[in-house]
Amino acid sequence: MRCYFHLVNGRERLTDPHGIKVTNLAMAHAEALRASEELREGTFELDVIGWSLVVADGAGRSLFEISLDGSADQAFPVCLLA
């Protein structure tokens, strides 16, 4: 499956036009956590306050979201365990 990692903050949406191929949602979640850590560390020089990384499938449906400013729990979403 292909997942897309969009950056959103309520006013802006920076879309990922390419996405990455993952074997399952657990892999997508691990990649999202890695990317969110890079963003928080300033690798891309982005002020992360108020921003989230939204992971979507090929149809554009949001699978899960990770807050970049640490305001939300970063644990694996329970809905993905079923």
PDB file of N, CA and C in Angstrom:
ATOM      1  N   MET A   1       0.843  -1.178   0.000  1.00  0.00           N
ATOM      2  CA  MET A   1       0.000   0.000   0.000  1.00  0.00           C
ATOM      3  C   MET A   1       0.886   1.238   0.000  1.00  0.00           C
ATOM      4  N   ARG A   2       0.378   2.325  -0.519  1.00  0.00           N
ATOM      5  CA  ARG A   2       1.109   3.588  -0.544  1.00  0.00           C
ATOM      6  C   ARG A   2       0.448   4.546   0.431  1.00  0.00           C
ATOM      7  N   CYS A   3       1.274   5.189   1.258  1.00  0.00           N
ATOM      8  CA  CYS A   3       0.786   6.180   2.218  1.00  0.00           C
ATOM      9  C   CYS A   3       1.425   7.532   1.915  1.00  0.00           C
ATOM     10  N   TYR A   4       0.656   8.563   2.170  1.00  0.00           N
ATOM     11  CA  TYR A   4       1.082   9.937   1.918  1.00  0.00           C
ATOM     12  C   TYR A   4       1.141  10.676   3.244  1.00  0.00           C
ATOM     13  N   PHE A   5       2.179  11.492   3.405  1.00  0.00           N
ATOM     14  CA  PHE A   5       2.440  12.175   4.666  1.00  0.00           C
ATOM     15  C   PHE A   5       2.270  13.680   4.459  1.00  0.00           C
ATOM     16  N   HIS A   6       1.109  14.202   4.827  1.00  0.00           N
ATOM     17  CA  HIS A   6       0.787  15.609   4.628  1.00  0.00           C
ATOM     18  C   HIS A   6       1.027  16.394   5.912  1.00  0.00           C
ATOM     19  N   LEU A   7       1.524  17.602   5.762  1.00  0.00           N
ATOM     20  CA  LEU A   7       1.692  18.513   6.897  1.00  0.00           C
ATOM     21  C   LEU A   7       0.517  19.481   6.901  1.00  0.00           C
ATOM     22  N   VAL A   8      -0.171  19.585   8.041  1.00  0.00           N
ATOM     23  CA  VAL A   8      -1.330  20.466   8.144  1.00  0.00           C
ATOM     24  C   VAL A   8      -1.269  21.254   9.445  1.00  0.00           C
ATOM     25  N   ASN A   9      -1.851  22.458   9.423  1.00  0.00           N
ATOM     26  CA  ASN A   9      -1.900  23.257  10.660  1.00  0.00           C
ATOM     27  C   ASN A   9      -3.215  24.002  10.828  1.00  0.00           C
ATOM     28  N   GLY A  10      -4.231  23.640  10.089  1.00  0.00           N
ATOM     29  CA  GLY A  10      -5.517  24.317  10.215  1.00  0.00           C
ATOM     30  C   GLY A  10      -5.701  25.406   9.178  1.00  0.00           C
ATOM     31  N   ARG A  11      -4.620  26.081   8.805  1.00  0.00           N
ATOM     32  CA  ARG A  11      -4.679  27.126   7.782  1.00  0.00           C
ATOM     33  C   ARG A  11      -4.010  26.680   6.487  1.00  0.00           C
ATOM     34  N   GLU A  12      -2.991  25.860   6.633  1.00  0.00           N
ATOM     35  CA  GLU A  12      -2.215  25.422   5.475  1.00  0.00           C
ATOM     36  C   GLU A  12      -2.151  23.908   5.418  1.00  0.00           C
ATOM     37  N   ARG A  13      -1.942  23.417   4.208  1.00  0.00           N
ATOM     38  CA  ARG A  13      -1.763  21.979   3.990  1.00  0.00           C
ATOM     39  C   ARG A  13      -0.655  21.813   2.960  1.00  0.00           C
ATOM     40  N   LEU A  14       0.426  21.171   3.393  1.00  0.00           N
ATOM     41  CA  LEU A  14       1.535  20.871   2.498  1.00  0.00           C
ATOM     42  C   LEU A  14       1.407  19.394   2.138  1.00  0.00           C
ATOM     43  N   THR A  15       1.005  19.130   0.903  1.00  0.00           N
ATOM     44  CA  THR A  15       0.710  17.756   0.517  1.00  0.00           C
ATOM     45  C   THR A  15       1.945  17.024   0.017  1.00  0.00           C
ATOM     46  N   ASP A  16       1.946  15.759   0.273  1.00  0.00           N
ATOM     47  CA  ASP A  16       2.986  14.842  -0.190  1.00  0.00           C
ATOM     48  C   ASP A  16       2.484  14.222  -1.493  1.00  0.00           C
ATOM     49  N   PRO A  17       3.049  14.614  -2.630  1.00  0.00           N
ATOM     50  CA  PRO A  17       2.544  14.110  -3.909  1.00  0.00           C
ATOM     51  C   PRO A  17       3.022  12.702  -4.253  1.00  0.00           C
ATOM     52  N   HIS A  18       4.036  12.195  -3.562  1.00  0.00           N
ATOM     53  CA  HIS A  18       4.638  10.918  -3.932  1.00  0.00           C
ATOM     54  C   HIS A  18       4.321   9.781  -2.971  1.00  0.00           C
ATOM     55  N   GLY A  19       4.332  10.059  -1.693  1.00  0.00           N
ATOM     56  CA  GLY A  19       4.092   9.024  -0.690  1.00  0.00           C
ATOM     57  C   GLY A  19       5.206   8.001  -0.668  1.00  0.00           C
ATOM     58  N   ILE A  20       5.008   6.983   0.170  1.00  0.00           N
ATOM     59  CA  ILE A  20       5.957   5.872   0.223  1.00  0.00           C
ATOM     60  C   ILE A  20       5.177   4.563   0.274  1.00  0.00           C
ATOM     61  N   LYS A  21       5.801   3.531  -0.228  1.00  0.00           N
ATOM     62  CA  LYS A  21       5.181   2.209  -0.188  1.00  0.00           C
ATOM     63  C   LYS A  21       5.508   1.568   1.159  1.00  0.00           C
ATOM     64  N   VAL A  22       4.478   1.083   1.828  1.00  0.00           N
ATOM     65  CA  VAL A  22       4.635   0.397   3.112  1.00  0.00           C
ATOM     66  C   VAL A  22       3.930  -0.946   3.040  1.00  0.00           C
ATOM     67  N   THR A  23       4.355  -1.861   3.888  1.00  0.00           N
ATOM     68  CA  THR A  23       3.743  -3.186   3.879  1.00  0.00           C
ATOM     69  C   THR A  23       2.464  -3.252   4.712  1.00  0.00           C
ATOM     70  N   ASN A  24       2.368  -2.349   5.719  1.00  0.00           N
ATOM     71  CA  ASN A  24       1.182  -2.342   6.571  1.00  0.00           C
ATOM     72  C   ASN A  24       1.119  -1.016   7.337  1.00  0.00           C
ATOM     73  N   LEU A  25       0.076  -0.838   8.116  1.00  0.00           N
ATOM     74  CA  LEU A  25      -0.103   0.413   8.850  1.00  0.00           C
ATOM     75  C   LEU A  25       0.917   0.587   9.968  1.00  0.00           C
ATOM     76  N   ALA A  26       1.400  -0.505  10.519  1.00  0.00           N
ATOM     77  CA  ALA A  26       2.432  -0.399  11.551  1.00  0.00           C
ATOM     78  C   ALA A  26       3.703   0.214  10.966  1.00  0.00           C
ATOM     79  N   MET A  27       4.047  -0.183   9.748  1.00  0.00           N
ATOM     80  CA  MET A  27       5.212   0.393   9.087  1.00  0.00           C
ATOM     81  C   MET A  27       4.972   1.868   8.769  1.00  0.00           C
ATOM     82  N   ALA A  28       3.766   2.203   8.337  1.00  0.00           N
ATOM     83  CA  ALA A  28       3.426   3.599   8.055  1.00  0.00           C
ATOM     84  C   ALA A  28       3.551   4.433   9.324  1.00  0.00           C
ATOM     85  N   HIS A  29       3.096   3.891  10.444  1.00  0.00           N
ATOM     86  CA  HIS A  29       3.174   4.603  11.715  1.00  0.00           C
ATOM     87  C   HIS A  29       4.625   4.815  12.131  1.00  0.00           C
ATOM     88  N   ALA A  30       5.450   3.779  11.959  1.00  0.00           N
ATOM     89  CA  ALA A  30       6.868   3.902  12.307  1.00  0.00           C
ATOM     90  C   ALA A  30       7.546   4.968  11.447  1.00  0.00           C
ATOM     91  N   GLU A  31       7.232   5.002  10.165  1.00  0.00           N
ATOM     92  CA  GLU A  31       7.800   6.017   9.263  1.00  0.00           C
ATOM     93  C   GLU A  31       7.316   7.412   9.645  1.00  0.00           C
ATOM     94  N   ALA A  32       6.050   7.524  10.041  1.00  0.00           N
ATOM     95  CA  ALA A  32       5.508   8.820  10.450  1.00  0.00           C
ATOM     96  C   ALA A  32       6.186   9.317  11.728  1.00  0.00           C
ATOM     97  N   LEU A  33       6.438   8.410  12.668  1.00  0.00           N
ATOM     98  CA  LEU A  33       7.131   8.805  13.892  1.00  0.00           C
ATOM     99  C   LEU A  33       8.551   9.272  13.585  1.00  0.00           C
ATOM    100  N   ARG A  34       9.236   8.567  12.687  1.00  0.00           N
ATOM    101  CA  ARG A  34      10.589   8.954  12.293  1.00  0.00           C
ATOM    102  C   ARG A  34      10.581  10.329  11.635  1.00  0.00           C
ATOM    103  N   ALA A  35       9.648  10.545  10.712  1.00  0.00           N
ATOM    104  CA  ALA A  35       9.549  11.836  10.022  1.00  0.00           C
ATOM    105  C   ALA A  35       9.193  12.953  11.004  1.00  0.00           C
ATOM    106  N   SER A  36       8.284  12.684  11.929  1.00  0.00           N
ATOM    107  CA  SER A  36       7.883  13.722  12.885  1.00  0.00           C
ATOM    108  C   SER A  36       9.056  14.091  13.798  1.00  0.00           C
ATOM    109  N   GLU A  37       9.876  13.121  14.147  1.00  0.00           N
ATOM    110  CA  GLU A  37      11.051  13.404  14.970  1.00  0.00           C
ATOM    111  C   GLU A  37      12.039  14.288  14.203  1.00  0.00           C
ATOM    112  N   GLU A  38      12.251  13.991  12.937  1.00  0.00           N
ATOM    113  CA  GLU A  38      13.136  14.829  12.107  1.00  0.00           C
ATOM    114  C   GLU A  38      12.613  16.263  12.029  1.00  0.00           C
ATOM    115  N   LEU A  39      11.317  16.394  11.870  1.00  0.00           N
ATOM    116  CA  LEU A  39      10.722  17.734  11.788  1.00  0.00           C
ATOM    117  C   LEU A  39      10.872  18.473  13.114  1.00  0.00           C
ATOM    118  N   ARG A  40      10.651  17.767  14.239  1.00  0.00           N
ATOM    119  CA  ARG A  40      10.789  18.392  15.551  1.00  0.00           C
ATOM    120  C   ARG A  40      12.225  18.824  15.834  1.00  0.00           C
ATOM    121  N   GLU A  41      13.165  18.071  15.335  1.00  0.00           N
ATOM    122  CA  GLU A  41      14.574  18.387  15.564  1.00  0.00           C
ATOM    123  C   GLU A  41      15.054  19.535  14.682  1.00  0.00           C
ATOM    124  N   GLY A  42      14.212  20.006  13.795  1.00  0.00           N
ATOM    125  CA  GLY A  42      14.567  21.154  12.970  1.00  0.00           C
ATOM    126  C   GLY A  42      15.298  20.821  11.692  1.00  0.00           C
ATOM    127  N   THR A  43      15.278  19.558  11.295  1.00  0.00           N
ATOM    128  CA  THR A  43      15.954  19.150  10.067  1.00  0.00           C
ATOM    129  C   THR A  43      15.474  19.981   8.882  1.00  0.00           C
ATOM    130  N   PHE A  44      14.195  20.291   8.867  1.00  0.00           N
ATOM    131  CA  PHE A  44      13.626  21.025   7.743  1.00  0.00           C
ATOM    132  C   PHE A  44      13.343  22.488   8.076  1.00  0.00           C
ATOM    133  N   GLU A  45      13.819  22.958   9.222  1.00  0.00           N
ATOM    134  CA  GLU A  45      13.655  24.344   9.653  1.00  0.00           C
ATOM    135  C   GLU A  45      12.191  24.793   9.607  1.00  0.00           C
ATOM    136  N   LEU A  46      11.307  23.987  10.144  1.00  0.00           N
ATOM    137  CA  LEU A  46       9.883  24.274  10.188  1.00  0.00           C
ATOM    138  C   LEU A  46       9.481  24.515  11.638  1.00  0.00           C
ATOM    139  N   ASP A  47       8.777  25.623  11.901  1.00  0.00           N
ATOM    140  CA  ASP A  47       8.221  25.859  13.231  1.00  0.00           C
ATOM    141  C   ASP A  47       7.039  24.904  13.378  1.00  0.00           C
ATOM    142  N   VAL A  48       7.159  23.902  14.222  1.00  0.00           N
ATOM    143  CA  VAL A  48       6.186  22.820  14.271  1.00  0.00           C
ATOM    144  C   VAL A  48       4.979  23.097  15.169  1.00  0.00           C
ATOM    145  N   ILE A  49       4.962  24.204  15.878  1.00  0.00           N
ATOM    146  CA  ILE A  49       3.842  24.498  16.770  1.00  0.00           C
ATOM    147  C   ILE A  49       2.556  24.609  15.951  1.00  0.00           C
ATOM    148  N   GLY A  50       1.584  23.791  16.315  1.00  0.00           N
ATOM    149  CA  GLY A  50       0.300  23.782  15.638  1.00  0.00           C
ATOM    150  C   GLY A  50       0.245  22.898  14.403  1.00  0.00           C
ATOM    151  N   TRP A  51       1.351  22.280  14.043  1.00  0.00           N
ATOM    152  CA  TRP A  51       1.394  21.427  12.850  1.00  0.00           C
ATOM    153  C   TRP A  51       1.208  19.959  13.223  1.00  0.00           C
ATOM    154  N   SER A  52       0.638  19.212  12.297  1.00  0.00           N
ATOM    155  CA  SER A  52       0.474  17.770  12.448  1.00  0.00           C
ATOM    156  C   SER A  52       0.886  17.091  11.153  1.00  0.00           C
ATOM    157  N   LEU A  53       1.292  15.855  11.295  1.00  0.00           N
ATOM    158  CA  LEU A  53       1.592  15.005  10.155  1.00  0.00           C
ATOM    159  C   LEU A  53       0.400  14.072   9.991  1.00  0.00           C
ATOM    160  N   VAL A  54      -0.319  14.231   8.886  1.00  0.00           N
ATOM    161  CA  VAL A  54      -1.496  13.414   8.614  1.00  0.00           C
ATOM    162  C   VAL A  54      -1.105  12.354   7.590  1.00  0.00           C
ATOM    163  N   VAL A  55      -1.302  11.101   7.955  1.00  0.00           N
ATOM    164  CA  VAL A  55      -0.984   9.999   7.054  1.00  0.00           C
ATOM    165  C   VAL A  55      -2.281   9.563   6.381  1.00  0.00           C
ATOM    166  N   ALA A  56      -2.252   9.554   5.036  1.00  0.00           N
ATOM    167  CA  ALA A  56      -3.447   9.239   4.257  1.00  0.00           C
ATOM    168  C   ALA A  56      -3.160   8.091   3.296  1.00  0.00           C
ATOM    169  N   ASP A  57      -4.219   7.412   2.890  1.00  0.00           N
ATOM    170  CA  ASP A  57      -4.068   6.347   1.905  1.00  0.00           C
ATOM    171  C   ASP A  57      -4.184   6.925   0.493  1.00  0.00           C
ATOM    172  N   GLY A  58      -4.119   6.068  -0.502  1.00  0.00           N
ATOM    173  CA  GLY A  58      -4.160   6.505  -1.892  1.00  0.00           C
ATOM    174  C   GLY A  58      -5.463   7.173  -2.293  1.00  0.00           C
ATOM    175  N   ALA A  59      -6.539   6.902  -1.570  1.00  0.00           N
ATOM    176  CA  ALA A  59      -7.834   7.519  -1.861  1.00  0.00           C
ATOM    177  C   ALA A  59      -7.996   8.856  -1.146  1.00  0.00           C
ATOM    178  N   GLY A  60      -6.973   9.247  -0.367  1.00  0.00           N
ATOM    179  CA  GLY A  60      -7.036  10.515   0.357  1.00  0.00           C
ATOM    180  C   GLY A  60      -7.648  10.434   1.737  1.00  0.00           C
ATOM    181  N   ARG A  61      -8.012   9.233   2.172  1.00  0.00           N
ATOM    182  CA  ARG A  61      -8.593   9.057   3.507  1.00  0.00           C
ATOM    183  C   ARG A  61      -7.498   9.144   4.558  1.00  0.00           C
ATOM    184  N   SER A  62      -7.750   9.922   5.596  1.00  0.00           N
ATOM    185  CA  SER A  62      -6.809  10.048   6.700  1.00  0.00           C
ATOM    186  C   SER A  62      -6.794   8.759   7.509  1.00  0.00           C
ATOM    187  N   LEU A  63      -5.602   8.202   7.713  1.00  0.00           N
ATOM    188  CA  LEU A  63      -5.455   6.973   8.484  1.00  0.00           C
ATOM    189  C   LEU A  63      -5.155   7.270   9.943  1.00  0.00           C
ATOM    190  N   PHE A  64      -4.280   8.238  10.174  1.00  0.00           N
ATOM    191  CA  PHE A  64      -3.971   8.699  11.518  1.00  0.00           C
ATOM    192  C   PHE A  64      -3.193   9.994  11.417  1.00  0.00           C
ATOM    193  N   GLU A  65      -3.034  10.637  12.568  1.00  0.00           N
ATOM    194  CA  GLU A  65      -2.384  11.947  12.627  1.00  0.00           C
ATOM    195  C   GLU A  65      -1.433  11.984  13.813  1.00  0.00           C
ATOM    196  N   ILE A  66      -0.294  12.619  13.624  1.00  0.00           N
ATOM    197  CA  ILE A  66       0.680  12.787  14.700  1.00  0.00           C
ATOM    198  C   ILE A  66       0.946  14.278  14.866  1.00  0.00           C
ATOM    199  N   SER A  67       0.717  14.786  16.063  1.00  0.00           N
ATOM    200  CA  SER A  67       0.984  16.182  16.361  1.00  0.00           C
ATOM    201  C   SER A  67       2.491  16.398  16.417  1.00  0.00           C
ATOM    202  N   LEU A  68       2.983  17.404  15.723  1.00  0.00           N
ATOM    203  CA  LEU A  68       4.417  17.670  15.707  1.00  0.00           C
ATOM    204  C   LEU A  68       4.874  18.461  16.917  1.00  0.00           C
ATOM    205  N   ASP A  69       3.954  19.159  17.590  1.00  0.00           N
ATOM    206  CA  ASP A  69       4.368  19.959  18.746  1.00  0.00           C
ATOM    207  C   ASP A  69       4.251  19.194  20.062  1.00  0.00           C
ATOM    208  N   GLY A  70       3.956  17.894  19.968  1.00  0.00           N
ATOM    209  CA  GLY A  70       3.926  17.058  21.162  1.00  0.00           C
ATOM    210  C   GLY A  70       2.678  17.205  21.995  1.00  0.00           C
ATOM    211  N   SER A  71       1.628  17.827  21.445  1.00  0.00           N
ATOM    212  CA  SER A  71       0.417  18.048  22.227  1.00  0.00           C
ATOM    213  C   SER A  71      -0.497  16.832  22.259  1.00  0.00           C
ATOM    214  N   ALA A  72      -0.177  15.805  21.487  1.00  0.00           N
ATOM    215  CA  ALA A  72      -1.017  14.606  21.460  1.00  0.00           C
ATOM    216  C   ALA A  72      -0.159  13.377  21.729  1.00  0.00           C
ATOM    217  N   ASP A  73      -0.799  12.327  22.173  1.00  0.00           N
ATOM    218  CA  ASP A  73      -0.123  11.065  22.436  1.00  0.00           C
ATOM    219  C   ASP A  73       0.411  10.499  21.119  1.00  0.00           C
ATOM    220  N   GLN A  74       1.658  10.036  21.129  1.00  0.00           N
ATOM    221  CA  GLN A  74       2.277   9.508  19.924  1.00  0.00           C
ATOM    222  C   GLN A  74       2.225   7.984  19.858  1.00  0.00           C
ATOM    223  N   ALA A  75       1.454   7.365  20.741  1.00  0.00           N
ATOM    224  CA  ALA A  75       1.359   5.910  20.750  1.00  0.00           C
ATOM    225  C   ALA A  75       0.659   5.438  19.481  1.00  0.00           C
ATOM    226  N   PHE A  76       0.863   4.164  19.156  1.00  0.00           N
ATOM    227  CA  PHE A  76       0.233   3.582  17.980  1.00  0.00           C
ATOM    228  C   PHE A  76      -1.282   3.645  18.139  1.00  0.00           C
ATOM    229  N   PRO A  77      -1.993   4.208  17.168  1.00  0.00           N
ATOM    230  CA  PRO A  77      -3.448   4.337  17.278  1.00  0.00           C
ATOM    231  C   PRO A  77      -4.124   2.989  17.485  1.00  0.00           C
ATOM    232  N   VAL A  78      -4.983   2.914  18.471  1.00  0.00           N
ATOM    233  CA  VAL A  78      -5.677   1.671  18.811  1.00  0.00           C
ATOM    234  C   VAL A  78      -6.472   1.168  17.636  1.00  0.00           C
ATOM    235  N   CYS A  79      -7.069   2.063  16.851  1.00  0.00           N
ATOM    236  CA  CYS A  79      -7.907   1.636  15.729  1.00  0.00           C
ATOM    237  C   CYS A  79      -7.106   0.852  14.694  1.00  0.00           C
ATOM    238  N   LEU A  80      -5.785   1.003  14.678  1.00  0.00           N
ATOM    239  CA  LEU A  80      -4.968   0.308  13.707  1.00  0.00           C
ATOM    240  C   LEU A  80      -4.600  -1.089  14.163  1.00  0.00           C
ATOM    241  N   LEU A  81      -4.881  -1.406  15.404  1.00  0.00           N
ATOM    242  CA  LEU A  81      -4.514  -2.718  15.926  1.00  0.00           C
ATOM    243  C   LEU A  81      -5.545  -3.786  15.569  1.00  0.00           C
ATOM    244  N   ALA A  82      -6.733  -3.377  15.197  1.00  0.00           N
ATOM    245  CA  ALA A  82      -7.807  -4.329  14.903  1.00  0.00           C
ATOM    246  C   ALA A  82      -7.588  -5.020  13.579  1.00  0.00           C
TER     247      ALA A  82
END
